[in-house]
Protein backbone atom coordinates (compact mmCIF):
# COMPACT_ATOMS: atom_id res chain seq x y z
CA MET A 1 -163.20 -66.71 134.14
CA ASN A 2 -165.02 -63.44 134.80
CA LYS A 3 -165.42 -64.38 138.44
CA ALA A 4 -161.68 -64.98 138.75
CA LYS A 5 -160.86 -61.61 137.17
CA HIS A 6 -163.24 -59.94 139.58
CA LEU A 7 -161.58 -61.58 142.57
CA ILE A 8 -158.12 -60.54 141.33
CA ALA A 9 -159.25 -56.92 140.92
CA VAL A 10 -160.72 -56.86 144.42
CA ALA A 11 -157.52 -58.28 145.84
CA LEU A 12 -155.37 -55.67 144.07
CA ILE A 13 -157.57 -52.83 145.37
CA ALA A 14 -157.31 -54.21 148.89
CA ILE A 15 -153.50 -54.44 148.65
CA LEU A 16 -153.21 -50.87 147.33
CA ALA A 17 -155.48 -49.55 150.05
CA LEU A 18 -153.38 -51.31 152.68
CA LEU A 19 -150.17 -49.85 151.24
CA LEU A 20 -151.62 -46.35 151.28
CA VAL A 21 -152.75 -46.63 154.88
CA GLU A 22 -149.39 -48.01 155.99
CA ASN A 23 -147.40 -45.46 153.91
CA PRO A 24 -145.76 -42.97 156.31
CA LEU A 25 -145.98 -40.18 153.73
CA SER A 26 -149.70 -40.67 153.36
CA ASP A 27 -150.05 -40.75 157.13
CA GLN A 28 -148.14 -37.47 157.43
CA TYR A 29 -150.31 -35.85 154.72
CA ILE A 30 -153.52 -36.89 156.46
CA ARG A 31 -152.22 -35.50 159.78
CA GLU A 32 -150.93 -32.19 158.36
CA ARG A 33 -153.77 -31.28 156.01
CA PRO A 34 -156.27 -30.34 158.73
CA ALA A 35 -153.58 -28.22 160.43
CA ILE A 36 -152.89 -26.21 157.23
CA THR A 37 -156.59 -25.64 156.68
CA ALA A 38 -157.08 -24.56 160.27
CA GLN A 39 -154.17 -22.11 159.98
CA GLN A 40 -155.65 -20.61 156.82
CA ASN A 41 -159.07 -20.37 158.40
CA GLN A 42 -157.59 -18.71 161.48
CA LEU A 43 -155.79 -16.13 159.30
CA TYR A 44 -158.94 -15.32 157.36
CA ALA A 45 -160.92 -15.06 160.59
CA LYS A 46 -158.46 -12.47 161.93
CA ILE A 47 -158.77 -10.49 158.71
CA GLU A 48 -162.55 -10.57 159.03
CA GLN A 49 -162.29 -9.29 162.60
CA ALA A 50 -160.03 -6.44 161.44
CA ALA A 51 -162.49 -5.63 158.67
CA LYS A 52 -165.22 -5.06 161.26
CA ARG A 53 -162.97 -2.80 163.34
CA TYR A 54 -161.81 -0.69 160.41
CA SER A 55 -165.12 -0.38 158.56
CA ARG A 56 -166.43 3.19 158.33
CA PRO A 57 -169.35 4.47 156.25
CA PRO A 58 -168.84 7.43 153.88
CA GLU A 59 -169.94 10.87 155.06
CA ASN A 60 -171.80 13.17 152.66
CA ALA A 61 -170.82 16.79 152.17
CA ARG A 62 -173.29 19.05 153.94
CA ILE A 63 -174.23 22.60 154.86
CA ASP A 64 -173.79 23.20 158.58
CA PRO A 65 -175.69 26.09 160.21
CA VAL A 66 -172.48 27.34 161.84
CA TRP A 67 -169.57 26.05 159.73
CA LYS A 68 -171.36 26.37 156.35
CA ALA A 69 -170.04 23.98 153.64
CA ILE A 70 -168.31 20.91 155.06
CA PRO A 71 -166.73 18.41 152.64
CA GLY A 72 -167.62 14.74 152.55
CA TYR A 73 -165.28 11.97 153.65
CA ASN A 74 -164.74 8.57 152.09
CA GLY A 75 -165.85 5.46 153.89
CA VAL A 76 -163.42 2.56 154.15
CA GLU A 77 -163.56 -1.22 153.97
CA VAL A 78 -160.90 -3.88 154.24
CA ASP A 79 -160.49 -5.84 151.02
CA LYS A 80 -160.47 -9.24 152.73
CA ARG A 81 -159.48 -11.32 149.71
CA ALA A 82 -156.61 -9.02 148.69
CA SER A 83 -155.42 -8.83 152.32
CA TYR A 84 -155.46 -12.61 152.59
CA GLU A 85 -153.45 -12.98 149.37
CA LYS A 86 -150.77 -10.66 150.82
CA MET A 87 -150.56 -12.60 154.08
CA LYS A 88 -151.07 -16.24 153.09
CA LYS A 89 -147.42 -16.86 152.14
CA ASP A 90 -146.28 -16.12 155.71
CA GLY A 91 -149.39 -17.73 157.11
CA ARG A 92 -149.84 -15.11 159.82
CA TYR A 93 -151.87 -11.95 160.36
CA ASP A 94 -150.00 -8.69 159.74
CA GLU A 95 -151.93 -5.42 160.15
CA ARG A 96 -149.42 -3.66 157.88
CA LYS A 97 -150.53 -5.85 154.97
CA LEU A 98 -154.23 -5.03 155.19
CA VAL A 99 -155.58 -3.72 151.88
CA PHE A 100 -158.23 -1.00 152.04
CA LYS A 101 -160.96 0.17 149.68
CA GLN A 102 -162.23 3.73 149.94
CA ILE A 103 -165.95 4.24 149.38
CA PRO A 104 -167.02 7.68 148.06
CA PRO A 105 -169.97 9.55 149.53
CA ALA A 106 -173.09 10.23 147.47
CA ILE A 107 -172.92 14.03 147.93
CA HIS A 108 -169.74 15.99 147.22
CA LEU A 109 -168.65 19.52 148.08
CA LYS A 110 -169.23 20.62 144.49
CA ASP A 111 -172.85 19.39 144.69
CA LEU A 112 -173.77 21.83 147.47
CA ASP A 113 -175.28 25.26 146.97
CA ALA A 114 -172.72 28.06 147.01
CA ALA A 115 -171.43 28.49 150.56
CA PRO A 116 -168.08 29.44 152.12
CA VAL A 117 -165.82 26.79 153.64
CA TYR A 118 -164.61 27.41 157.18
CA THR A 119 -163.30 23.91 157.92
CA GLY A 120 -162.48 20.57 156.43
CA ASN A 121 -164.19 17.41 157.61
CA PRO A 122 -163.51 17.23 161.38
CA ASP A 123 -162.89 13.46 161.15
CA LYS A 124 -159.88 14.02 158.87
CA PRO A 125 -156.65 14.34 160.91
CA MET A 126 -155.17 17.02 158.67
CA VAL A 127 -154.93 20.82 158.78
CA ALA A 128 -154.06 23.43 156.18
CA PHE A 129 -151.99 26.60 156.39
CA LEU A 130 -153.67 29.56 154.64
CA ILE A 131 -151.09 32.28 154.03
CA ASN A 132 -152.59 35.52 152.72
CA VAL A 133 -150.02 37.63 150.89
CA ALA A 134 -150.36 41.32 150.02
CA TRP A 135 -147.25 42.50 151.90
CA GLY A 136 -144.47 41.05 154.10
CA ASN A 137 -142.02 40.22 151.30
CA GLU A 138 -139.06 40.23 153.66
CA TYR A 139 -140.49 37.35 155.71
CA LEU A 140 -141.49 35.03 152.88
CA PRO A 141 -138.05 33.46 152.20
CA ASP A 142 -137.67 32.34 155.84
CA MET A 143 -141.21 30.95 155.92
CA LEU A 144 -140.63 29.04 152.67
CA LYS A 145 -137.35 27.70 154.05
CA THR A 146 -139.09 26.39 157.18
CA LEU A 147 -141.91 24.79 155.19
CA LYS A 148 -139.36 23.07 152.95
CA LYS A 149 -137.37 21.83 155.97
CA TYR A 150 -140.42 19.92 157.23
CA ASN A 151 -141.79 19.00 153.80
CA VAL A 152 -144.98 20.97 154.46
CA HIS A 153 -147.03 22.43 151.63
CA ALA A 154 -149.37 25.35 152.22
CA THR A 155 -151.90 27.38 150.24
CA PHE A 156 -150.80 30.96 149.55
CA PHE A 157 -153.61 33.36 148.67
CA LEU A 158 -152.04 36.12 146.56
CA GLU A 159 -153.34 39.61 146.01
CA GLY A 160 -153.24 40.12 142.22
CA ARG A 161 -151.51 43.49 142.40
CA TRP A 162 -148.84 42.02 144.71
CA ALA A 163 -148.25 39.08 142.35
CA LYS A 164 -147.84 41.43 139.38
CA GLU A 165 -145.28 43.49 141.30
CA ASN A 166 -143.44 40.46 142.75
CA PRO A 167 -143.40 37.73 140.09
CA HIS A 168 -140.12 36.29 141.41
CA LEU A 169 -141.66 35.69 144.85
CA ALA A 170 -144.86 34.27 143.35
CA ASN A 171 -142.79 31.79 141.35
CA MET A 172 -140.64 31.00 144.40
CA ILE A 173 -143.83 29.96 146.20
CA VAL A 174 -144.99 27.76 143.31
CA SER A 175 -141.55 26.18 142.86
CA GLY A 176 -141.74 25.09 146.51
CA GLY A 177 -144.74 22.89 145.64
CA HIS A 178 -147.27 25.18 147.31
CA GLU A 179 -150.81 25.86 146.16
CA ILE A 180 -151.89 29.31 144.95
CA GLY A 181 -155.23 30.96 145.67
CA ASN A 182 -156.98 34.23 144.77
CA HIS A 183 -157.02 37.05 147.37
CA SER A 184 -158.63 39.74 145.12
CA TYR A 185 -156.66 42.26 143.07
CA THR A 186 -156.45 45.33 145.32
CA HIS A 187 -157.68 43.98 148.68
CA PRO A 188 -161.01 45.88 148.80
CA ASP A 189 -164.03 45.15 150.98
CA LEU A 190 -165.86 42.93 148.52
CA LYS A 191 -169.08 43.17 150.51
CA THR A 192 -169.42 46.78 149.39
CA LEU A 193 -168.61 46.30 145.69
CA SER A 194 -171.06 45.68 142.88
CA ALA A 195 -171.22 42.23 141.28
CA ALA A 196 -169.38 43.55 138.22
CA GLN A 197 -166.62 45.02 140.38
CA VAL A 198 -166.24 41.78 142.34
CA ARG A 199 -165.99 39.75 139.15
CA LYS A 200 -163.34 42.12 137.80
CA GLN A 201 -161.28 41.74 141.01
CA LEU A 202 -161.38 37.94 140.77
CA GLU A 203 -160.83 37.66 137.02
CA GLN A 204 -157.94 40.12 137.01
CA THR A 205 -156.18 38.24 139.80
CA ASN A 206 -156.67 34.85 138.13
CA ARG A 207 -155.24 36.17 134.86
CA VAL A 208 -152.17 37.61 136.58
CA ILE A 209 -151.49 34.48 138.61
CA GLU A 210 -151.88 32.19 135.62
CA ALA A 211 -149.70 34.42 133.41
CA ILE A 212 -146.90 34.53 135.99
CA THR A 213 -146.99 31.02 137.44
CA GLY A 214 -148.97 28.93 134.96
CA GLU A 215 -151.22 27.83 137.83
CA LYS A 216 -155.01 27.67 137.49
CA VAL A 217 -156.66 28.98 140.66
CA LYS A 218 -159.25 26.83 142.46
CA TRP A 219 -159.75 28.71 145.72
CA PHE A 220 -160.63 32.28 146.68
CA ALA A 221 -160.12 33.97 150.08
CA PRO A 222 -162.03 37.26 150.57
CA PRO A 223 -159.86 40.11 151.93
CA SER A 224 -160.45 40.52 155.68
CA GLY A 225 -162.99 37.70 155.44
CA SER A 226 -165.61 40.17 154.18
CA TYR A 227 -168.18 38.85 151.70
CA ARG A 228 -171.86 38.60 150.97
CA ASP A 229 -173.68 35.61 149.50
CA GLU A 230 -173.50 37.04 145.98
CA VAL A 231 -169.69 37.10 146.19
CA VAL A 232 -169.61 33.38 147.05
CA LYS A 233 -171.96 32.60 144.15
CA LEU A 234 -169.83 34.61 141.74
CA ALA A 235 -166.71 32.73 142.84
CA LYS A 236 -168.46 29.40 142.34
CA SER A 237 -169.58 30.45 138.85
CA MET A 238 -165.86 30.91 138.14
CA ASP A 239 -165.08 27.39 139.46
CA MET A 240 -163.60 28.65 142.72
CA GLY A 241 -164.54 27.68 146.25
CA THR A 242 -164.65 30.46 148.85
CA ILE A 243 -162.30 29.77 151.75
CA MET A 244 -162.55 31.27 155.21
CA TRP A 245 -160.71 29.95 158.29
CA THR A 246 -161.14 27.83 161.41
CA VAL A 247 -158.21 29.23 163.41
CA ASP A 248 -156.92 32.80 163.12
CA THR A 249 -153.36 33.52 164.25
CA ILE A 250 -154.24 37.25 164.41
CA ASP A 251 -150.59 37.72 163.48
CA TRP A 252 -151.25 41.13 161.90
CA GLN A 253 -151.42 42.45 165.48
CA LYS A 254 -147.75 41.39 165.85
CA PRO A 255 -148.08 39.14 168.92
CA ALA A 256 -145.07 37.26 170.28
CA PRO A 257 -144.30 34.01 168.41
CA ASP A 258 -145.19 31.85 171.43
CA VAL A 259 -148.61 33.53 171.59
CA ILE A 260 -149.27 32.54 167.98
CA VAL A 261 -148.15 28.96 168.63
CA GLN A 262 -150.33 28.63 171.74
CA ARG A 263 -153.33 30.12 169.94
CA VAL A 264 -153.02 27.65 167.05
CA ILE A 265 -152.24 24.53 169.07
CA SER A 266 -155.07 25.13 171.54
CA GLU A 267 -157.66 25.50 168.77
CA ALA A 268 -156.44 23.24 165.94
CA ARG A 269 -158.28 19.97 165.29
CA GLY A 270 -158.97 17.72 162.34
CA GLY A 271 -159.93 19.76 159.26
CA SER A 272 -158.76 23.10 160.65
CA LEU A 273 -157.88 25.87 158.18
CA ILE A 274 -155.22 28.00 159.89
CA LEU A 275 -154.94 31.62 158.73
CA MET A 276 -151.65 33.52 158.80
CA HIS A 277 -149.65 36.20 157.00
CA PRO A 278 -145.96 36.81 156.31
CA THR A 279 -144.93 38.63 159.50
CA ALA A 280 -141.82 38.54 161.69
CA SER A 281 -143.73 36.76 164.47
CA THR A 282 -145.24 34.17 162.13
CA ALA A 283 -141.88 33.41 160.53
CA LYS A 284 -140.49 32.62 164.00
CA ALA A 285 -143.60 30.75 165.15
CA LEU A 286 -143.84 28.52 162.08
CA GLU A 287 -141.30 25.85 163.10
CA PRO A 288 -142.62 25.21 166.65
CA MET A 289 -146.16 25.34 165.27
CA ILE A 290 -145.38 22.58 162.76
CA LEU A 291 -143.66 20.43 165.38
CA GLN A 292 -146.51 20.73 167.88
CA LEU A 293 -149.21 20.06 165.29
CA LYS A 294 -147.38 16.87 164.36
CA LYS A 295 -147.25 15.93 168.05
CA LYS A 296 -151.04 16.20 168.01
CA ASN A 297 -150.94 13.58 165.22
CA LEU A 298 -152.22 16.04 162.63
CA LYS A 299 -150.91 16.09 159.07
CA ILE A 300 -150.35 19.49 157.45
CA SER A 301 -151.12 20.16 153.80
CA THR A 302 -152.86 22.41 151.30
CA VAL A 303 -156.50 23.47 151.20
CA SER A 304 -157.13 21.05 148.33
CA LYS A 305 -155.74 18.10 150.28
CA VAL A 306 -157.63 18.93 153.46
CA LEU A 307 -160.91 19.35 151.59
CA ASP A 308 -160.65 16.28 149.37
CA GLU A 309 -162.56 13.16 150.38
CA GLU A 310 -159.63 10.75 150.73
CA ARG A 311 -159.79 9.13 154.14
CA ILE A 312 -156.60 9.05 156.18
CA ILE A 313 -156.43 5.60 157.74
CA LYS A 314 -154.77 5.02 161.09
CA SER A 315 -153.60 1.72 162.51
CA GLU A 316 -154.96 0.57 165.84
CA ASP A 317 -151.97 2.10 167.62
CA GLY A 318 -152.74 5.50 166.06
CA LYS A 319 -150.06 5.50 163.35
CA PHE A 320 -150.90 6.58 159.81
CA ILE A 321 -151.18 3.72 157.33
CA SER A 322 -149.53 4.25 153.97
CA GLY A 323 -151.70 4.90 150.94
CA GLU A 324 -149.85 2.07 149.22
CA ASN A 325 -152.27 -0.29 150.97
CA GLU A 326 -155.26 1.26 149.24
CA ARG A 327 -156.87 -0.21 146.16
CA ARG A 328 -158.61 2.97 145.10
CA SER A 329 -159.72 6.39 146.27
CA SER A 330 -162.08 8.98 144.94
CA SER A 331 -162.65 12.69 144.69
CA GLY A 332 -165.58 14.89 143.94
CA ASN A 333 -164.64 18.31 145.23
CA PHE A 334 -163.92 21.59 143.49
CA ASP A 335 -160.48 20.26 142.58
CA SER A 336 -161.58 16.98 141.07
CA ASP A 337 -160.04 16.32 137.66
């Protein structure tokens, strides 16, 4: 009896196996499965290749013998798994769907000994406009209008006495989304003042700016670029970084607008801090300057944005990739919150 049951079971298994082999649906599944797997493997392989091309190590902040304090710059990696999840539905590689992870450096700008900043990280394709204001009220509205037209934000370093006398203009600058910095109270040569006098200049200006605009100041620009090491240390003790410049428009000499534009465009590079003032020539030069900097594939923003560590990622054809594709970023500069 048991032998008969065993034979029946064997026969049933054989029949089922035969049906499965002859079933066209099963045949199609067996043929298609390797193709789907191969397609997925090919997609992942392309993502892995892109990951190698895009990978960059983080760069630590450092003191350069010429340029003094230079901020660090995040490294970047492709998040292969997240990128694959975004692409697998379509089953094809799409560079626009790559997901990036930013890797912070070990040493940040705030970790360095007190030193002035003359430039951002040269690998960052972004520049900042530094606009020192102690006069030139009549040119500010036109400059602000041009900046707004091109959605450009700058850092305005205000003399404290000027801000106290022109609160409406100071607030007009802030309402335009611009950053405010400290440019001393009465525009003295800080190199010649005592430590107590320097501190008074900086504290007085910060109090006025905060009272008028509500903004807490993070950056300090010495009048005429004159300082000594003690001045930089005092500023750092007050949680302010000392900002110099990479490119000087020399607009106080009243050159023609095209001279200013040529001077800036010929010298500007990644990380450049571009110094200017509210003058008639600068007001006219601002629009062509913005347009030509953008042609050089340079973003324009505030000092804080240029000096932060966030890496600006470009696609392989040189276009900027949206930050929406990033999983995380980091900071670690004077303005880290």
